[in-house]
Amino acid sequence: MRIKPSRNGKQRQAGVALITGLIFLVMLTLIAITAMQSTTLEERMAGNSRSRDAAFQGAEAAVRAAEVVLSGASLPPFNGSKVGYYALLDKGASADYWKNTHNWAAQSVAYGGALAGVKEARFVVEALPAGSVSGGDDSLVAKPLSGGEVFRITTRGIGADGTSSVILQTTFRRSI
């Protein structure tokens, strides 16, 4: 007696390959979408980092510009008659003052050079009382210092996108 091969087994398997293929396609699609989202996020992070670095470079350039002015043969008056050059400001050591209160557009000196990726770089110079140095955020107590005039330079750089800003503060001693 001969046994005829059953076609029922083949008929039952015909749909399994299709379902398996569809499951693999859905999984590959989900992996691709996740990879694209991750890449987009990393690209945004890199752009933000680049903008912040440019803002930092702008603030550094403004520090150097202020130091050039302070190293000159003659100094501007520090009585508020010239924009950007002041006697000691009451809130000058407070980071909050420089971030939220100070009017950078009207009360600071613009950096004159051109910097790629920098929207704006500005500085303010304060003449500190003779024989003292004051630190940022009121964290440093005034310390005696001899041998010249002391100035506090505060700068702000803004990245090209306008959302990144960096504020730097340093002291500069001018030898007499």
N, C-alpha and C. Protein backbone atom coordinates (compact mmCIF):
# COMPACT_ATOMS: atom_id res chain seq x y z
N MET A 1 0.81 -1.16 0.00
CA MET A 1 0.00 0.00 0.00
C MET A 1 0.87 1.25 0.00
N ARG A 2 0.44 2.14 -0.77
CA ARG A 2 1.18 3.39 -0.89
C ARG A 2 0.54 4.49 -0.04
N ILE A 3 1.37 5.29 0.61
CA ILE A 3 0.85 6.40 1.41
C ILE A 3 1.00 7.67 0.56
N LYS A 4 -0.09 8.34 0.42
CA LYS A 4 -0.07 9.59 -0.34
C LYS A 4 0.39 10.72 0.58
N PRO A 5 1.29 11.54 0.09
CA PRO A 5 1.73 12.67 0.92
C PRO A 5 0.55 13.62 1.17
N SER A 6 0.47 14.05 2.39
CA SER A 6 -0.61 14.94 2.79
C SER A 6 -0.26 16.37 2.42
N ARG A 7 -1.20 17.08 1.89
CA ARG A 7 -0.96 18.49 1.53
C ARG A 7 -1.42 19.42 2.65
N ASN A 8 -2.01 18.87 3.64
CA ASN A 8 -2.48 19.70 4.76
C ASN A 8 -1.32 20.38 5.47
N GLY A 9 -0.18 19.73 5.63
CA GLY A 9 0.99 20.32 6.29
C GLY A 9 1.53 21.51 5.53
N LYS A 10 1.57 21.38 4.20
CA LYS A 10 2.07 22.48 3.38
C LYS A 10 1.10 23.65 3.41
N GLN A 11 -0.16 23.37 3.41
CA GLN A 11 -1.15 24.44 3.42
C GLN A 11 -1.13 25.20 4.74
N ARG A 12 -0.87 24.50 5.81
CA ARG A 12 -0.82 25.16 7.10
C ARG A 12 0.41 26.05 7.23
N GLN A 13 1.52 25.75 6.58
CA GLN A 13 2.76 26.51 6.71
C GLN A 13 2.83 27.71 5.80
N ALA A 14 1.98 27.85 4.86
CA ALA A 14 2.05 28.93 3.88
C ALA A 14 1.92 30.31 4.54
N GLY A 15 1.12 30.50 5.54
CA GLY A 15 0.93 31.79 6.18
C GLY A 15 1.97 32.12 7.23
N VAL A 16 2.68 31.12 7.75
CA VAL A 16 3.67 31.34 8.80
C VAL A 16 4.84 32.17 8.29
N ALA A 17 5.29 31.93 7.09
CA ALA A 17 6.41 32.69 6.52
C ALA A 17 6.04 34.17 6.37
N LEU A 18 4.82 34.44 5.96
CA LEU A 18 4.37 35.82 5.80
C LEU A 18 4.32 36.54 7.15
N ILE A 19 3.77 35.91 8.14
CA ILE A 19 3.68 36.52 9.48
C ILE A 19 5.08 36.75 10.06
N THR A 20 5.97 35.76 9.90
CA THR A 20 7.34 35.91 10.39
C THR A 20 8.05 37.07 9.69
N GLY A 21 7.88 37.18 8.39
CA GLY A 21 8.48 38.28 7.63
C GLY A 21 7.96 39.63 8.08
N LEU A 22 6.66 39.72 8.33
CA LEU A 22 6.08 40.98 8.79
C LEU A 22 6.59 41.37 10.18
N ILE A 23 6.74 40.39 11.06
CA ILE A 23 7.28 40.66 12.40
C ILE A 23 8.70 41.21 12.30
N PHE A 24 9.52 40.59 11.42
CA PHE A 24 10.89 41.08 11.24
C PHE A 24 10.91 42.50 10.67
N LEU A 25 10.02 42.80 9.73
CA LEU A 25 9.95 44.15 9.17
C LEU A 25 9.55 45.19 10.22
N VAL A 26 8.60 44.85 11.06
CA VAL A 26 8.19 45.76 12.14
C VAL A 26 9.35 45.99 13.10
N MET A 27 10.06 44.93 13.46
CA MET A 27 11.21 45.08 14.37
C MET A 27 12.30 45.94 13.75
N LEU A 28 12.61 45.73 12.47
CA LEU A 28 13.63 46.54 11.80
C LEU A 28 13.19 48.00 11.70
N THR A 29 11.90 48.23 11.46
CA THR A 29 11.39 49.61 11.41
C THR A 29 11.54 50.30 12.76
N LEU A 30 11.21 49.61 13.84
CA LEU A 30 11.36 50.19 15.18
C LEU A 30 12.83 50.49 15.49
N ILE A 31 13.73 49.61 15.11
CA ILE A 31 15.16 49.85 15.33
C ILE A 31 15.62 51.06 14.53
N ALA A 32 15.16 51.18 13.28
CA ALA A 32 15.56 52.32 12.45
C ALA A 32 15.03 53.63 13.02
N ILE A 33 13.78 53.64 13.48
CA ILE A 33 13.21 54.87 14.06
C ILE A 33 13.96 55.27 15.33
N THR A 34 14.28 54.31 16.17
CA THR A 34 15.04 54.60 17.39
C THR A 34 16.42 55.16 17.06
N ALA A 35 17.06 54.59 16.06
CA ALA A 35 18.39 55.07 15.66
C ALA A 35 18.30 56.50 15.12
N MET A 36 17.27 56.81 14.35
CA MET A 36 17.12 58.17 13.82
C MET A 36 16.86 59.17 14.94
N GLN A 37 16.04 58.81 15.91
CA GLN A 37 15.77 59.71 17.04
C GLN A 37 17.03 59.96 17.84
N SER A 38 17.81 58.92 18.06
CA SER A 38 19.05 59.05 18.81
C SER A 38 20.04 59.95 18.06
N THR A 39 20.14 59.77 16.77
CA THR A 39 21.04 60.59 15.96
C THR A 39 20.61 62.05 15.97
N THR A 40 19.32 62.30 15.87
CA THR A 40 18.80 63.67 15.91
C THR A 40 19.12 64.33 17.25
N LEU A 41 18.92 63.60 18.33
CA LEU A 41 19.23 64.13 19.65
C LEU A 41 20.71 64.44 19.79
N GLU A 42 21.57 63.54 19.32
CA GLU A 42 23.01 63.77 19.41
C GLU A 42 23.44 64.96 18.56
N GLU A 43 22.78 65.16 17.42
CA GLU A 43 23.10 66.30 16.57
C GLU A 43 22.71 67.61 17.26
N ARG A 44 21.57 67.63 17.92
CA ARG A 44 21.16 68.82 18.67
C ARG A 44 22.12 69.11 19.81
N MET A 45 22.56 68.05 20.51
CA MET A 45 23.51 68.24 21.62
C MET A 45 24.82 68.81 21.09
N ALA A 46 25.29 68.32 19.96
CA ALA A 46 26.53 68.83 19.37
C ALA A 46 26.38 70.30 18.97
N GLY A 47 25.22 70.66 18.41
CA GLY A 47 24.98 72.05 18.04
C GLY A 47 24.95 72.97 19.25
N ASN A 48 24.32 72.52 20.33
CA ASN A 48 24.29 73.31 21.56
C ASN A 48 25.69 73.47 22.14
N SER A 49 26.46 72.41 22.10
CA SER A 49 27.84 72.48 22.60
C SER A 49 28.67 73.45 21.77
N ARG A 50 28.51 73.40 20.45
CA ARG A 50 29.24 74.31 19.56
C ARG A 50 28.86 75.75 19.85
N SER A 51 27.56 76.01 20.06
CA SER A 51 27.09 77.36 20.35
C SER A 51 27.64 77.86 21.68
N ARG A 52 27.66 77.01 22.69
CA ARG A 52 28.20 77.40 23.99
C ARG A 52 29.70 77.67 23.90
N ASP A 53 30.42 76.84 23.16
CA ASP A 53 31.86 77.06 22.98
C ASP A 53 32.12 78.39 22.28
N ALA A 54 31.31 78.71 21.27
CA ALA A 54 31.47 79.99 20.58
C ALA A 54 31.19 81.15 21.53
N ALA A 55 30.16 81.02 22.36
CA ALA A 55 29.86 82.07 23.35
C ALA A 55 31.01 82.24 24.32
N PHE A 56 31.61 81.13 24.75
CA PHE A 56 32.76 81.19 25.65
C PHE A 56 33.94 81.90 24.98
N GLN A 57 34.19 81.57 23.72
CA GLN A 57 35.28 82.23 22.99
C GLN A 57 35.02 83.73 22.84
N GLY A 58 33.76 84.11 22.64
CA GLY A 58 33.41 85.52 22.57
C GLY A 58 33.67 86.23 23.89
N ALA A 59 33.29 85.59 24.99
CA ALA A 59 33.54 86.18 26.31
C ALA A 59 35.03 86.29 26.58
N GLU A 60 35.80 85.28 26.19
CA GLU A 60 37.26 85.33 26.36
C GLU A 60 37.87 86.45 25.53
N ALA A 61 37.39 86.63 24.30
CA ALA A 61 37.91 87.70 23.45
C ALA A 61 37.60 89.07 24.06
N ALA A 62 36.43 89.20 24.68
CA ALA A 62 36.08 90.46 25.33
C ALA A 62 36.97 90.71 26.55
N VAL A 63 37.34 89.65 27.28
CA VAL A 63 38.30 89.80 28.39
C VAL A 63 39.61 90.36 27.87
N ARG A 64 40.10 89.78 26.79
CA ARG A 64 41.39 90.24 26.22
C ARG A 64 41.28 91.69 25.74
N ALA A 65 40.14 92.07 25.15
CA ALA A 65 39.96 93.45 24.70
C ALA A 65 39.98 94.42 25.88
N ALA A 66 39.34 94.04 26.98
CA ALA A 66 39.35 94.88 28.17
C ALA A 66 40.76 94.98 28.75
N GLU A 67 41.50 93.89 28.74
CA GLU A 67 42.88 93.91 29.23
C GLU A 67 43.76 94.81 28.38
N VAL A 68 43.50 94.85 27.07
CA VAL A 68 44.26 95.75 26.19
C VAL A 68 43.98 97.20 26.58
N VAL A 69 42.73 97.53 26.85
CA VAL A 69 42.38 98.89 27.27
C VAL A 69 43.09 99.23 28.58
N LEU A 70 43.06 98.29 29.53
CA LEU A 70 43.67 98.54 30.85
C LEU A 70 45.20 98.58 30.79
N SER A 71 45.77 98.00 29.77
CA SER A 71 47.23 98.01 29.62
C SER A 71 47.72 99.25 28.89
N GLY A 72 46.81 100.06 28.39
CA GLY A 72 47.17 101.25 27.63
C GLY A 72 47.84 102.31 28.49
N ALA A 73 48.37 103.31 27.83
CA ALA A 73 49.08 104.38 28.53
C ALA A 73 48.13 105.22 29.38
N SER A 74 46.94 105.46 28.89
CA SER A 74 45.97 106.23 29.67
C SER A 74 44.67 105.42 29.78
N LEU A 75 43.98 105.64 30.87
CA LEU A 75 42.74 104.92 31.14
C LEU A 75 41.53 105.83 31.00
N PRO A 76 40.40 105.26 30.64
CA PRO A 76 39.18 106.07 30.62
C PRO A 76 38.76 106.39 32.05
N PRO A 77 37.92 107.39 32.23
CA PRO A 77 37.44 107.68 33.58
C PRO A 77 36.50 106.57 34.07
N PHE A 78 36.60 106.22 35.34
CA PHE A 78 35.76 105.18 35.93
C PHE A 78 34.70 105.80 36.84
N ASN A 79 34.01 106.79 36.31
CA ASN A 79 32.98 107.48 37.08
C ASN A 79 31.60 107.35 36.43
N GLY A 80 31.47 106.49 35.43
CA GLY A 80 30.20 106.30 34.75
C GLY A 80 29.98 107.24 33.58
N SER A 81 30.92 108.17 33.33
CA SER A 81 30.76 109.10 32.22
C SER A 81 31.02 108.42 30.88
N LYS A 82 31.76 107.34 30.89
CA LYS A 82 32.00 106.57 29.68
C LYS A 82 31.38 105.19 29.88
N VAL A 83 30.52 104.78 28.95
CA VAL A 83 29.79 103.52 29.06
C VAL A 83 30.76 102.34 29.19
N GLY A 84 30.48 101.50 30.19
CA GLY A 84 31.27 100.28 30.37
C GLY A 84 32.40 100.40 31.38
N TYR A 85 32.69 101.61 31.84
CA TYR A 85 33.79 101.82 32.79
C TYR A 85 33.21 102.48 34.04
N TYR A 86 33.23 101.75 35.15
CA TYR A 86 32.55 102.21 36.36
C TYR A 86 33.44 102.05 37.59
N ALA A 87 33.10 102.82 38.63
CA ALA A 87 33.66 102.54 39.95
C ALA A 87 33.00 101.25 40.42
N LEU A 88 33.40 100.74 41.54
CA LEU A 88 32.88 99.47 42.04
C LEU A 88 31.34 99.48 42.07
N LEU A 89 30.73 98.52 41.39
CA LEU A 89 29.27 98.39 41.39
C LEU A 89 28.84 97.62 42.63
N ASP A 90 27.72 98.03 43.22
CA ASP A 90 27.23 97.38 44.44
C ASP A 90 27.04 95.88 44.27
N LYS A 91 26.44 95.48 43.17
CA LYS A 91 26.14 94.07 42.93
C LYS A 91 27.12 93.42 41.96
N GLY A 92 28.26 94.03 41.73
CA GLY A 92 29.20 93.55 40.72
C GLY A 92 29.79 92.18 40.97
N ALA A 93 29.75 91.69 42.20
CA ALA A 93 30.30 90.37 42.50
C ALA A 93 29.23 89.29 42.45
N SER A 94 28.01 89.67 42.16
CA SER A 94 26.89 88.72 42.15
C SER A 94 26.63 88.19 40.75
N ALA A 95 26.65 86.89 40.60
CA ALA A 95 26.36 86.27 39.29
C ALA A 95 24.93 86.59 38.86
N ASP A 96 24.01 86.62 39.80
CA ASP A 96 22.61 86.90 39.48
C ASP A 96 22.45 88.29 38.88
N TYR A 97 23.21 89.26 39.38
CA TYR A 97 23.15 90.62 38.84
C TYR A 97 23.53 90.62 37.36
N TRP A 98 24.61 89.95 37.02
CA TRP A 98 25.10 89.97 35.64
C TRP A 98 24.19 89.17 34.71
N LYS A 99 23.55 88.13 35.22
CA LYS A 99 22.66 87.31 34.39
C LYS A 99 21.31 87.98 34.16
N ASN A 100 20.75 88.58 35.20
CA ASN A 100 19.36 89.02 35.13
C ASN A 100 19.12 90.52 35.20
N THR A 101 20.04 91.28 35.77
CA THR A 101 19.75 92.69 36.04
C THR A 101 20.51 93.66 35.15
N HIS A 102 21.79 93.42 34.96
CA HIS A 102 22.63 94.37 34.22
C HIS A 102 22.12 94.55 32.78
N ASN A 103 22.06 95.80 32.34
CA ASN A 103 21.63 96.12 30.97
C ASN A 103 22.86 96.07 30.06
N TRP A 104 23.10 94.90 29.47
CA TRP A 104 24.30 94.71 28.65
C TRP A 104 24.29 95.59 27.41
N ALA A 105 23.15 95.82 26.82
CA ALA A 105 23.09 96.59 25.58
C ALA A 105 23.46 98.06 25.80
N ALA A 106 23.08 98.62 26.92
CA ALA A 106 23.29 100.05 27.15
C ALA A 106 24.45 100.36 28.09
N GLN A 107 24.91 99.39 28.88
CA GLN A 107 25.91 99.69 29.90
C GLN A 107 27.16 98.84 29.77
N SER A 108 27.57 98.53 28.55
CA SER A 108 28.79 97.75 28.37
C SER A 108 29.44 98.14 27.04
N VAL A 109 30.66 97.71 26.87
CA VAL A 109 31.43 98.01 25.66
C VAL A 109 31.40 96.78 24.76
N ALA A 110 31.08 96.99 23.50
CA ALA A 110 31.04 95.88 22.54
C ALA A 110 32.45 95.53 22.09
N TYR A 111 32.71 94.23 21.97
CA TYR A 111 33.97 93.75 21.41
C TYR A 111 34.02 94.15 19.94
N GLY A 112 35.12 94.73 19.51
CA GLY A 112 35.21 95.29 18.17
C GLY A 112 35.53 94.29 17.07
N GLY A 113 36.06 93.14 17.40
CA GLY A 113 36.45 92.18 16.36
C GLY A 113 35.29 91.31 15.92
N ALA A 114 35.54 90.57 14.84
CA ALA A 114 34.54 89.62 14.34
C ALA A 114 34.94 88.21 14.74
N LEU A 115 34.01 87.48 15.29
CA LEU A 115 34.26 86.10 15.69
C LEU A 115 33.21 85.19 15.05
N ALA A 116 33.67 84.12 14.41
CA ALA A 116 32.74 83.19 13.77
C ALA A 116 31.90 82.49 14.83
N GLY A 117 30.62 82.44 14.63
CA GLY A 117 29.72 81.75 15.55
C GLY A 117 29.34 82.55 16.77
N VAL A 118 29.78 83.80 16.85
CA VAL A 118 29.48 84.63 18.03
C VAL A 118 28.56 85.77 17.60
N LYS A 119 27.41 85.84 18.24
CA LYS A 119 26.45 86.91 17.94
C LYS A 119 26.89 88.22 18.58
N GLU A 120 27.37 88.13 19.82
CA GLU A 120 27.72 89.35 20.56
C GLU A 120 28.73 89.03 21.66
N ALA A 121 29.68 89.95 21.85
CA ALA A 121 30.63 89.86 22.96
C ALA A 121 30.78 91.27 23.52
N ARG A 122 30.62 91.41 24.84
CA ARG A 122 30.67 92.73 25.48
C ARG A 122 31.42 92.63 26.80
N PHE A 123 31.90 93.78 27.29
CA PHE A 123 32.59 93.79 28.58
C PHE A 123 32.26 95.03 29.39
N VAL A 124 32.46 94.88 30.72
CA VAL A 124 32.32 95.98 31.69
C VAL A 124 33.57 95.92 32.55
N VAL A 125 34.14 97.09 32.84
CA VAL A 125 35.31 97.16 33.70
C VAL A 125 34.97 98.02 34.92
N GLU A 126 35.28 97.49 36.10
CA GLU A 126 35.07 98.23 37.35
C GLU A 126 36.42 98.49 38.00
N ALA A 127 36.61 99.71 38.48
CA ALA A 127 37.81 100.03 39.25
C ALA A 127 37.53 99.63 40.69
N LEU A 128 38.34 98.74 41.23
CA LEU A 128 38.17 98.29 42.61
C LEU A 128 38.89 99.24 43.55
N PRO A 129 38.43 99.33 44.79
CA PRO A 129 39.11 100.21 45.75
C PRO A 129 40.57 99.82 45.89
N ALA A 130 41.39 100.81 46.17
CA ALA A 130 42.82 100.58 46.30
C ALA A 130 43.10 99.52 47.37
N GLY A 131 43.96 98.55 47.02
CA GLY A 131 44.41 97.54 47.98
C GLY A 131 43.43 96.42 48.23
N SER A 132 42.49 96.17 47.33
CA SER A 132 41.55 95.08 47.58
C SER A 132 41.24 94.33 46.30
N VAL A 133 40.81 93.10 46.47
CA VAL A 133 40.30 92.28 45.38
C VAL A 133 39.03 91.64 45.86
N SER A 134 38.03 91.60 45.02
CA SER A 134 36.76 90.98 45.39
C SER A 134 36.48 89.85 44.43
N GLY A 135 35.93 88.75 44.93
CA GLY A 135 35.66 87.59 44.08
C GLY A 135 34.21 87.52 43.66
N GLY A 136 33.93 86.68 42.66
CA GLY A 136 32.59 86.50 42.15
C GLY A 136 31.67 85.85 43.16
N ASP A 137 30.37 86.13 43.05
CA ASP A 137 29.33 85.58 43.92
C ASP A 137 29.59 85.86 45.39
N ASP A 138 30.30 86.92 45.69
CA ASP A 138 30.60 87.32 47.07
C ASP A 138 31.28 86.20 47.86
N SER A 139 31.92 85.26 47.16
CA SER A 139 32.50 84.11 47.84
C SER A 139 33.90 84.37 48.37
N LEU A 140 34.56 85.37 47.86
CA LEU A 140 35.91 85.67 48.34
C LEU A 140 35.89 86.96 49.15
N VAL A 141 36.56 86.94 50.25
CA VAL A 141 36.67 88.12 51.09
C VAL A 141 37.74 89.03 50.50
N ALA A 142 37.56 90.34 50.63
CA ALA A 142 38.56 91.27 50.11
C ALA A 142 39.91 90.98 50.75
N LYS A 143 40.93 90.96 49.93
CA LYS A 143 42.28 90.65 50.41
C LYS A 143 43.21 91.81 50.05
N PRO A 144 44.18 92.10 50.89
CA PRO A 144 45.12 93.17 50.57
C PRO A 144 45.94 92.81 49.35
N LEU A 145 46.19 93.79 48.53
CA LEU A 145 47.01 93.60 47.34
C LEU A 145 47.80 94.87 47.13
N SER A 146 49.07 94.73 46.92
CA SER A 146 49.88 95.92 46.74
C SER A 146 50.49 95.91 45.35
N GLY A 147 50.90 97.09 44.92
CA GLY A 147 51.63 97.18 43.67
C GLY A 147 50.80 97.46 42.44
N GLY A 148 49.81 98.32 42.54
CA GLY A 148 49.09 98.70 41.34
C GLY A 148 47.60 98.82 41.53
N GLU A 149 46.96 99.28 40.48
CA GLU A 149 45.51 99.42 40.48
C GLU A 149 44.88 98.08 40.12
N VAL A 150 43.71 97.82 40.70
CA VAL A 150 43.03 96.54 40.45
C VAL A 150 41.66 96.83 39.84
N PHE A 151 41.33 96.04 38.81
CA PHE A 151 40.07 96.18 38.09
C PHE A 151 39.37 94.83 38.01
N ARG A 152 38.06 94.86 38.02
CA ARG A 152 37.28 93.66 37.80
C ARG A 152 36.69 93.76 36.39
N ILE A 153 36.94 92.74 35.59
CA ILE A 153 36.42 92.68 34.23
C ILE A 153 35.32 91.63 34.19
N THR A 154 34.17 92.01 33.70
CA THR A 154 33.06 91.08 33.53
C THR A 154 32.67 91.10 32.06
N THR A 155 32.59 89.92 31.45
CA THR A 155 32.26 89.85 30.03
C THR A 155 31.10 88.90 29.80
N ARG A 156 30.44 89.11 28.67
CA ARG A 156 29.37 88.20 28.26
C ARG A 156 29.50 87.93 26.77
N GLY A 157 29.48 86.65 26.41
CA GLY A 157 29.48 86.24 25.02
C GLY A 157 28.18 85.51 24.72
N ILE A 158 27.63 85.74 23.53
CA ILE A 158 26.40 85.08 23.11
C ILE A 158 26.68 84.35 21.81
N GLY A 159 26.30 83.07 21.75
CA GLY A 159 26.49 82.26 20.56
C GLY A 159 25.62 82.75 19.41
N ALA A 160 25.94 82.30 18.21
CA ALA A 160 25.25 82.76 17.01
C ALA A 160 23.75 82.46 17.04
N ASP A 161 23.34 81.40 17.71
CA ASP A 161 21.91 81.07 17.75
C ASP A 161 21.15 81.94 18.74
N GLY A 162 21.85 82.68 19.57
CA GLY A 162 21.22 83.59 20.52
C GLY A 162 20.72 82.93 21.79
N THR A 163 20.84 81.62 21.91
CA THR A 163 20.34 80.94 23.10
C THR A 163 21.44 80.60 24.10
N SER A 164 22.68 80.59 23.66
CA SER A 164 23.80 80.25 24.55
C SER A 164 24.51 81.53 24.97
N SER A 165 24.68 81.69 26.28
CA SER A 165 25.45 82.84 26.75
C SER A 165 26.39 82.39 27.85
N VAL A 166 27.55 83.03 27.87
CA VAL A 166 28.57 82.74 28.88
C VAL A 166 29.00 84.06 29.49
N ILE A 167 29.05 84.09 30.82
CA ILE A 167 29.52 85.27 31.53
C ILE A 167 30.80 84.89 32.26
N LEU A 168 31.85 85.67 32.04
CA LEU A 168 33.13 85.46 32.70
C LEU A 168 33.46 86.68 33.54
N GLN A 169 34.16 86.44 34.64
CA GLN A 169 34.60 87.55 35.49
C GLN A 169 36.01 87.25 35.95
N THR A 170 36.85 88.28 35.87
CA THR A 170 38.24 88.13 36.29
C THR A 170 38.72 89.46 36.85
N THR A 171 39.85 89.41 37.53
CA THR A 171 40.47 90.66 38.00
C THR A 171 41.76 90.89 37.24
N PHE A 172 42.10 92.15 37.11
CA PHE A 172 43.29 92.55 36.38
C PHE A 172 44.03 93.57 37.22
N ARG A 173 45.31 93.33 37.42
CA ARG A 173 46.14 94.28 38.19
C ARG A 173 47.01 95.03 37.21
N ARG A 174 46.91 96.31 37.26
CA ARG A 174 47.72 97.18 36.39
C ARG A 174 48.88 97.69 37.22
N SER A 175 50.08 97.36 36.79
CA SER A 175 51.28 97.81 37.50
C SER A 175 51.50 99.28 37.23
N ILE A 176 51.88 99.94 38.28
CA ILE A 176 52.13 101.39 38.16
C ILE A 176 53.56 101.62 37.78
